[in-house]
Amino acid sequence: MQERNKYITSQLLNYTQDSYLERTSRPIYAVIFLLPFIIFYELGTILINTDVLNQSQVRVVAFVWLQNFLEYLGTGSKLAWAAPPLTVVVILIALQLASRKRWWCNPDDILPMAVECILLTMPLIVLSLLLNTAGGGDARPYDSSAMQVQAELPHCLTRAADDRLSEAVEPGNGTAQSKSMLADIVTGIGAGIYEELVFRLILICALMVLFQDVLRFDRTNAIILAVLISAALFSAHHHIHFVDGQLNQRDPFNWMEFAFRTIAGIYFAVLFAFRGFGVTAGTHAFYDIIATIINGLFFGSGN
């Protein structure tokens, strides 16, 4: 490959310059492609009126971590809701600058990116159905987003709020069920963005620095360890609140679910390496959307 086609990049492959694969792997494409998802998540979290959301906000755990970290750095509480999405955009813009890739974007690429993301969810949907069936379940797709109740409620009341969330949908209540499905879609979209930011973009890069630059492992072993550790932590955070060490009452530990989410974490890591952050986060978000719709249409409320 000629020197002029080489880039500073976190991807394993550099595609032919200005090809679809090269264009859509640029960080600037991730900003443009994910911005509607970010806005939908922010507005949806604020506007959805379920019994629980009237009393507190249900946020993706990875979003809460990022929000709390930014508050610790000095972000005012009034701006805390806006800081995480701004952080996503700033990180991607910084990566775009570091990559030295072109800033030009073709609007016609956005729809094919969405179609690509939907197609890339299919292996996860099939695997989820197979593992759930093998585990004695009812073949519903596993949920890949971890949620946490967060807002003005004192910490000691968050478990009670979690319980109210799990009871928000009563059998036969179509309105409540549709609201619950929409809430799950909103949080699933948030998971696609913020879990990928934390567990792929940030964690894998940090682990690569640790293993390759500090501990001096060879690159292959560093990549394998980084991917496996990030995938295991991605799966575990659905069952354990890492900050306080408490078990997630809404998602009791299950070996099949843990295995699926670990495999999904590896899958997303491979996508991140080959297709960049935009397609990876989009695939994660679309998986959560499709899984929520399947569960809502074919398995009721998800209970």
Protein backbone atom coordinates (compact mmCIF):
# COMPACT_ATOMS: atom_id res chain seq x y z
CA MET A 1 0.00 0.00 0.00
CA GLN A 2 1.39 3.37 -0.93
CA GLU A 3 2.45 5.77 1.82
CA ARG A 4 -0.23 8.30 0.89
CA ASN A 5 -2.93 5.72 1.61
CA LYS A 6 -1.71 4.96 5.12
CA TYR A 7 -3.66 6.36 8.05
CA ILE A 8 -3.39 6.56 11.78
CA THR A 9 -6.30 4.30 12.66
CA SER A 10 -7.57 1.89 15.30
CA GLN A 11 -8.80 -0.48 12.57
CA LEU A 12 -7.00 -3.61 11.44
CA LEU A 13 -7.56 -2.84 7.77
CA ASN A 14 -7.14 0.26 5.65
CA TYR A 15 -9.56 0.05 2.75
CA THR A 16 -9.15 1.54 -0.70
CA GLN A 17 -9.33 5.31 -0.35
CA ASP A 18 -12.81 6.78 -0.96
CA SER A 19 -14.43 3.34 -1.28
CA TYR A 20 -17.68 2.74 0.62
CA LEU A 21 -15.88 0.70 3.28
CA GLU A 22 -13.22 3.38 3.76
CA ARG A 23 -15.65 6.29 3.82
CA THR A 24 -18.08 4.74 6.27
CA SER A 25 -15.32 3.69 8.67
CA ARG A 26 -14.28 7.32 9.17
CA PRO A 27 -15.05 8.80 12.61
CA ILE A 28 -16.83 11.75 10.97
CA TYR A 29 -19.30 9.28 9.43
CA ALA A 30 -19.90 7.86 12.92
CA VAL A 31 -20.81 11.36 14.14
CA ILE A 32 -23.27 11.94 11.29
CA PHE A 33 -24.75 8.43 11.39
CA LEU A 34 -25.15 8.25 15.18
CA LEU A 35 -26.32 11.81 15.83
CA PRO A 36 -30.04 10.97 15.20
CA PHE A 37 -29.68 7.99 17.59
CA ILE A 38 -28.12 10.22 20.26
CA ILE A 39 -30.90 12.82 19.93
CA PHE A 40 -33.61 10.13 19.97
CA TYR A 41 -32.13 8.59 23.13
CA GLU A 42 -31.88 11.93 24.94
CA LEU A 43 -35.38 13.08 24.00
CA GLY A 44 -36.90 9.63 24.52
CA THR A 45 -35.44 9.31 28.00
CA ILE A 46 -36.92 12.67 28.97
CA LEU A 47 -40.32 12.39 27.28
CA ILE A 48 -41.44 8.79 27.81
CA ASN A 49 -44.10 8.84 30.55
CA THR A 50 -44.15 5.51 32.34
CA ASP A 51 -44.80 5.24 36.06
CA VAL A 52 -41.11 4.83 36.69
CA LEU A 53 -39.94 7.56 34.35
CA ASN A 54 -42.30 10.01 36.01
CA GLN A 55 -40.29 9.56 39.21
CA SER A 56 -36.78 9.07 37.87
CA GLN A 57 -34.84 8.52 34.67
CA VAL A 58 -33.97 5.06 33.41
CA ARG A 59 -30.52 5.35 31.90
CA VAL A 60 -28.09 2.95 30.32
CA VAL A 61 -25.47 2.00 32.91
CA ALA A 62 -22.59 3.00 30.62
CA PHE A 63 -24.22 6.42 30.17
CA VAL A 64 -24.45 6.83 33.96
CA TRP A 65 -20.78 5.90 34.38
CA LEU A 66 -19.74 8.49 31.82
CA GLN A 67 -22.07 11.07 33.34
CA ASN A 68 -20.75 10.48 36.87
CA PHE A 69 -17.15 10.64 35.67
CA LEU A 70 -17.75 13.94 33.91
CA GLU A 71 -19.47 15.31 37.03
CA TYR A 72 -16.41 14.25 39.03
CA LEU A 73 -14.25 16.24 36.60
CA GLY A 74 -16.34 19.33 37.31
CA THR A 75 -19.28 19.24 34.92
CA GLY A 76 -22.21 21.07 36.50
CA SER A 77 -25.26 19.01 37.37
CA LYS A 78 -27.44 21.14 35.09
CA LEU A 79 -25.27 20.17 32.12
CA ALA A 80 -24.77 16.55 33.18
CA TRP A 81 -27.44 15.25 30.79
CA ALA A 82 -25.72 16.93 27.82
CA ALA A 83 -22.11 16.10 28.73
CA PRO A 84 -22.07 12.40 27.68
CA PRO A 85 -23.43 12.96 24.13
CA LEU A 86 -21.07 15.90 23.69
CA THR A 87 -18.23 13.65 24.85
CA VAL A 88 -19.10 11.08 22.17
CA VAL A 89 -18.99 13.76 19.48
CA VAL A 90 -15.75 15.30 20.79
CA ILE A 91 -13.98 11.91 20.95
CA LEU A 92 -15.04 11.03 17.41
CA ILE A 93 -13.98 14.45 16.08
CA ALA A 94 -10.60 14.00 17.79
CA LEU A 95 -10.23 10.57 16.18
CA GLN A 96 -11.13 12.07 12.82
CA LEU A 97 -8.37 14.66 13.25
CA ALA A 98 -5.86 12.01 14.34
CA SER A 99 -6.75 9.66 11.49
CA ARG A 100 -5.89 12.27 8.82
CA LYS A 101 -8.78 10.90 6.76
CA ARG A 102 -10.91 13.07 4.52
CA TRP A 103 -13.80 15.01 6.05
CA TRP A 104 -15.99 14.74 2.96
CA CYS A 105 -19.18 12.70 3.44
CA ASN A 106 -21.58 11.27 0.89
CA PRO A 107 -25.20 11.51 2.16
CA ASP A 108 -26.08 8.51 -0.02
CA ASP A 109 -23.95 6.30 2.25
CA ILE A 110 -26.18 6.73 5.33
CA LEU A 111 -29.01 4.42 4.21
CA PRO A 112 -26.62 1.63 3.12
CA MET A 113 -24.91 1.96 6.51
CA ALA A 114 -28.25 1.42 8.24
CA VAL A 115 -28.99 -1.62 6.04
CA GLU A 116 -25.51 -2.99 6.73
CA CYS A 117 -26.05 -2.61 10.48
CA ILE A 118 -29.39 -4.41 10.30
CA LEU A 119 -27.86 -7.28 8.32
CA LEU A 120 -24.98 -7.51 10.79
CA THR A 121 -27.48 -8.04 13.63
CA MET A 122 -28.75 -11.25 12.07
CA PRO A 123 -25.97 -13.56 13.37
CA LEU A 124 -26.58 -12.23 16.90
CA ILE A 125 -30.35 -12.65 16.61
CA VAL A 126 -29.95 -16.26 15.43
CA LEU A 127 -27.33 -17.05 18.08
CA SER A 128 -29.51 -15.54 20.79
CA LEU A 129 -32.53 -17.60 19.75
CA LEU A 130 -30.47 -20.79 19.61
CA LEU A 131 -28.80 -20.28 22.99
CA ASN A 132 -32.07 -19.34 24.68
CA THR A 133 -33.75 -22.45 23.28
CA ALA A 134 -30.80 -24.64 24.30
CA GLY A 135 -31.00 -23.17 27.78
CA GLY A 136 -34.64 -24.17 28.15
CA GLY A 137 -36.06 -20.71 27.49
CA ASP A 138 -38.86 -19.67 25.15
CA ALA A 139 -36.54 -18.65 22.26
CA ARG A 140 -36.84 -14.92 22.88
CA PRO A 141 -33.74 -12.89 21.91
CA TYR A 142 -31.57 -11.87 24.85
CA ASP A 143 -31.51 -8.21 25.82
CA SER A 144 -28.01 -6.74 25.42
CA SER A 145 -28.54 -3.42 27.22
CA ALA A 146 -27.95 -2.86 30.92
CA MET A 147 -30.15 -0.19 32.50
CA GLN A 148 -30.06 1.70 35.76
CA VAL A 149 -32.63 3.93 37.43
CA GLN A 150 -31.02 7.31 37.99
CA ALA A 151 -32.09 10.83 38.81
CA GLU A 152 -33.37 12.56 41.92
CA LEU A 153 -34.09 9.29 43.78
CA PRO A 154 -31.76 8.60 46.72
CA HIS A 155 -29.43 5.65 46.14
CA CYS A 156 -31.27 3.52 48.71
CA LEU A 157 -34.47 3.83 46.67
CA THR A 158 -33.09 2.82 43.29
CA ARG A 159 -33.76 -0.87 43.93
CA ALA A 160 -37.41 -0.10 44.65
CA ALA A 161 -37.55 1.88 41.43
CA ASP A 162 -36.03 -1.09 39.59
CA ASP A 163 -38.82 -3.25 41.02
CA ARG A 164 -41.47 -0.75 39.84
CA LEU A 165 -39.92 -0.80 36.38
CA SER A 166 -40.17 -4.59 36.17
CA GLU A 167 -43.84 -4.37 37.21
CA ALA A 168 -44.71 -1.44 34.91
CA VAL A 169 -46.37 -3.67 32.32
CA GLU A 170 -49.39 -5.61 33.50
CA PRO A 171 -50.85 -8.43 31.39
CA GLY A 172 -53.56 -7.18 29.06
CA ASN A 173 -52.57 -3.53 29.38
CA GLY A 174 -51.78 -2.67 25.76
CA THR A 175 -50.97 0.98 26.41
CA ALA A 176 -48.52 0.13 29.18
CA GLN A 177 -46.99 -2.60 27.03
CA SER A 178 -46.44 -0.23 24.10
CA LYS A 179 -44.87 2.33 26.44
CA SER A 180 -42.61 -0.34 27.88
CA MET A 181 -41.54 -1.43 24.40
CA LEU A 182 -40.78 2.17 23.42
CA ALA A 183 -38.79 2.64 26.65
CA ASP A 184 -36.80 -0.51 25.87
CA ILE A 185 -36.09 0.76 22.34
CA VAL A 186 -34.89 4.08 23.73
CA THR A 187 -32.56 2.46 26.26
CA GLY A 188 -31.41 -0.08 23.64
CA ILE A 189 -30.33 2.76 21.36
CA GLY A 190 -28.48 4.36 24.26
CA ALA A 191 -26.77 1.04 24.98
CA GLY A 192 -25.64 0.79 21.38
CA ILE A 193 -23.84 4.11 21.63
CA TYR A 194 -22.55 4.30 25.20
CA GLU A 195 -21.71 0.64 25.80
CA GLU A 196 -19.71 0.60 22.58
CA LEU A 197 -17.99 3.83 23.60
CA VAL A 198 -17.01 2.44 27.02
CA PHE A 199 -16.31 -1.23 26.24
CA ARG A 200 -14.90 -1.01 22.73
CA LEU A 201 -13.58 2.45 21.93
CA ILE A 202 -12.26 3.33 25.40
CA LEU A 203 -11.65 0.00 27.18
CA ILE A 204 -10.05 -1.91 24.30
CA CYS A 205 -7.76 1.02 23.51
CA ALA A 206 -6.80 1.33 27.19
CA LEU A 207 -6.13 -2.41 27.49
CA MET A 208 -4.01 -2.32 24.32
CA VAL A 209 -1.88 0.44 25.85
CA LEU A 210 -1.52 -1.61 29.06
CA PHE A 211 -0.67 -4.94 27.43
CA GLN A 212 1.34 -3.73 24.45
CA ASP A 213 3.07 -0.56 25.64
CA VAL A 214 3.38 -1.11 29.41
CA LEU A 215 3.62 -4.90 29.81
CA ARG A 216 5.30 -5.35 26.40
CA PHE A 217 3.14 -8.24 25.20
CA ASP A 218 3.34 -8.97 21.49
CA ARG A 219 0.56 -7.35 19.43
CA THR A 220 -1.39 -10.56 18.75
CA ASN A 221 -1.59 -11.56 22.41
CA ALA A 222 -2.42 -7.98 23.39
CA ILE A 223 -5.33 -7.90 20.93
CA ILE A 224 -6.69 -11.28 22.06
CA LEU A 225 -6.48 -10.37 25.76
CA ALA A 226 -8.01 -6.93 25.22
CA VAL A 227 -10.93 -8.34 23.25
CA LEU A 228 -11.64 -11.20 25.68
CA ILE A 229 -11.39 -9.05 28.82
CA SER A 230 -13.55 -6.27 27.36
CA ALA A 231 -16.13 -8.83 26.20
CA ALA A 232 -16.26 -10.53 29.63
CA LEU A 233 -16.62 -7.19 31.43
CA PHE A 234 -19.28 -6.11 28.92
CA SER A 235 -21.25 -9.25 29.74
CA ALA A 236 -20.68 -9.04 33.50
CA HIS A 237 -21.84 -5.43 33.80
CA HIS A 238 -25.38 -6.54 32.88
CA HIS A 239 -25.51 -8.57 36.09
CA ILE A 240 -23.35 -6.55 38.50
CA HIS A 241 -23.24 -2.83 39.28
CA PHE A 242 -19.46 -2.42 39.24
CA VAL A 243 -19.51 0.83 41.22
CA ASP A 244 -21.11 -0.59 44.37
CA GLY A 245 -20.67 -4.33 43.72
CA GLN A 246 -24.41 -4.98 43.98
CA LEU A 247 -26.13 -7.61 41.84
CA ASN A 248 -28.57 -6.31 39.24
CA GLN A 249 -31.98 -7.40 40.54
CA ARG A 250 -33.58 -6.87 37.12
CA ASP A 251 -31.15 -9.23 35.38
CA PRO A 252 -30.19 -12.23 37.56
CA PHE A 253 -27.08 -14.12 36.49
CA ASN A 254 -27.63 -16.82 33.88
CA TRP A 255 -24.81 -18.74 32.21
CA MET A 256 -26.48 -18.78 28.79
CA GLU A 257 -27.07 -15.02 28.87
CA PHE A 258 -23.53 -14.42 30.09
CA ALA A 259 -22.15 -16.60 27.28
CA PHE A 260 -24.25 -14.85 24.65
CA ARG A 261 -23.23 -11.37 25.79
CA THR A 262 -19.57 -12.40 25.93
CA ILE A 263 -19.77 -13.71 22.37
CA ALA A 264 -21.63 -10.54 21.38
CA GLY A 265 -18.84 -8.49 22.96
CA ILE A 266 -16.26 -10.35 20.86
CA TYR A 267 -18.43 -9.87 17.77
CA PHE A 268 -18.72 -6.13 18.38
CA ALA A 269 -14.96 -5.92 18.96
CA VAL A 270 -14.31 -7.56 15.58
CA LEU A 271 -16.76 -5.16 13.93
CA PHE A 272 -15.03 -2.25 15.63
CA ALA A 273 -11.65 -3.41 14.32
CA PHE A 274 -12.85 -3.84 10.75
CA ARG A 275 -15.70 -1.32 10.33
CA GLY A 276 -15.13 1.42 12.87
CA PHE A 277 -17.25 2.86 15.66
CA GLY A 278 -20.25 4.05 13.63
CA VAL A 279 -21.20 0.68 12.16
CA THR A 280 -20.44 -1.13 15.43
CA ALA A 281 -22.60 1.16 17.57
CA GLY A 282 -25.32 1.13 14.91
CA THR A 283 -25.33 -2.67 14.81
CA HIS A 284 -25.60 -2.83 18.60
CA ALA A 285 -28.46 -0.32 18.61
CA PHE A 286 -30.34 -2.10 15.82
CA TYR A 287 -29.90 -5.45 17.58
CA ASP A 288 -31.55 -4.01 20.70
CA ILE A 289 -34.36 -2.50 18.61
CA ILE A 290 -35.04 -5.75 16.73
CA ALA A 291 -34.82 -7.88 19.90
CA THR A 292 -37.24 -5.55 21.69
CA ILE A 293 -39.73 -5.69 18.82
CA ILE A 294 -39.53 -9.51 18.59
CA ASN A 295 -39.97 -9.87 22.35
CA GLY A 296 -42.88 -7.40 22.39
CA LEU A 297 -44.73 -8.88 19.41
CA PHE A 298 -44.17 -12.59 20.03
CA PHE A 299 -43.45 -12.94 23.75
CA GLY A 300 -45.64 -10.30 25.33
CA SER A 301 -44.08 -7.90 27.79
CA GLY A 302 -40.87 -9.73 28.14
CA ASN A 303 -41.76 -11.34 31.41
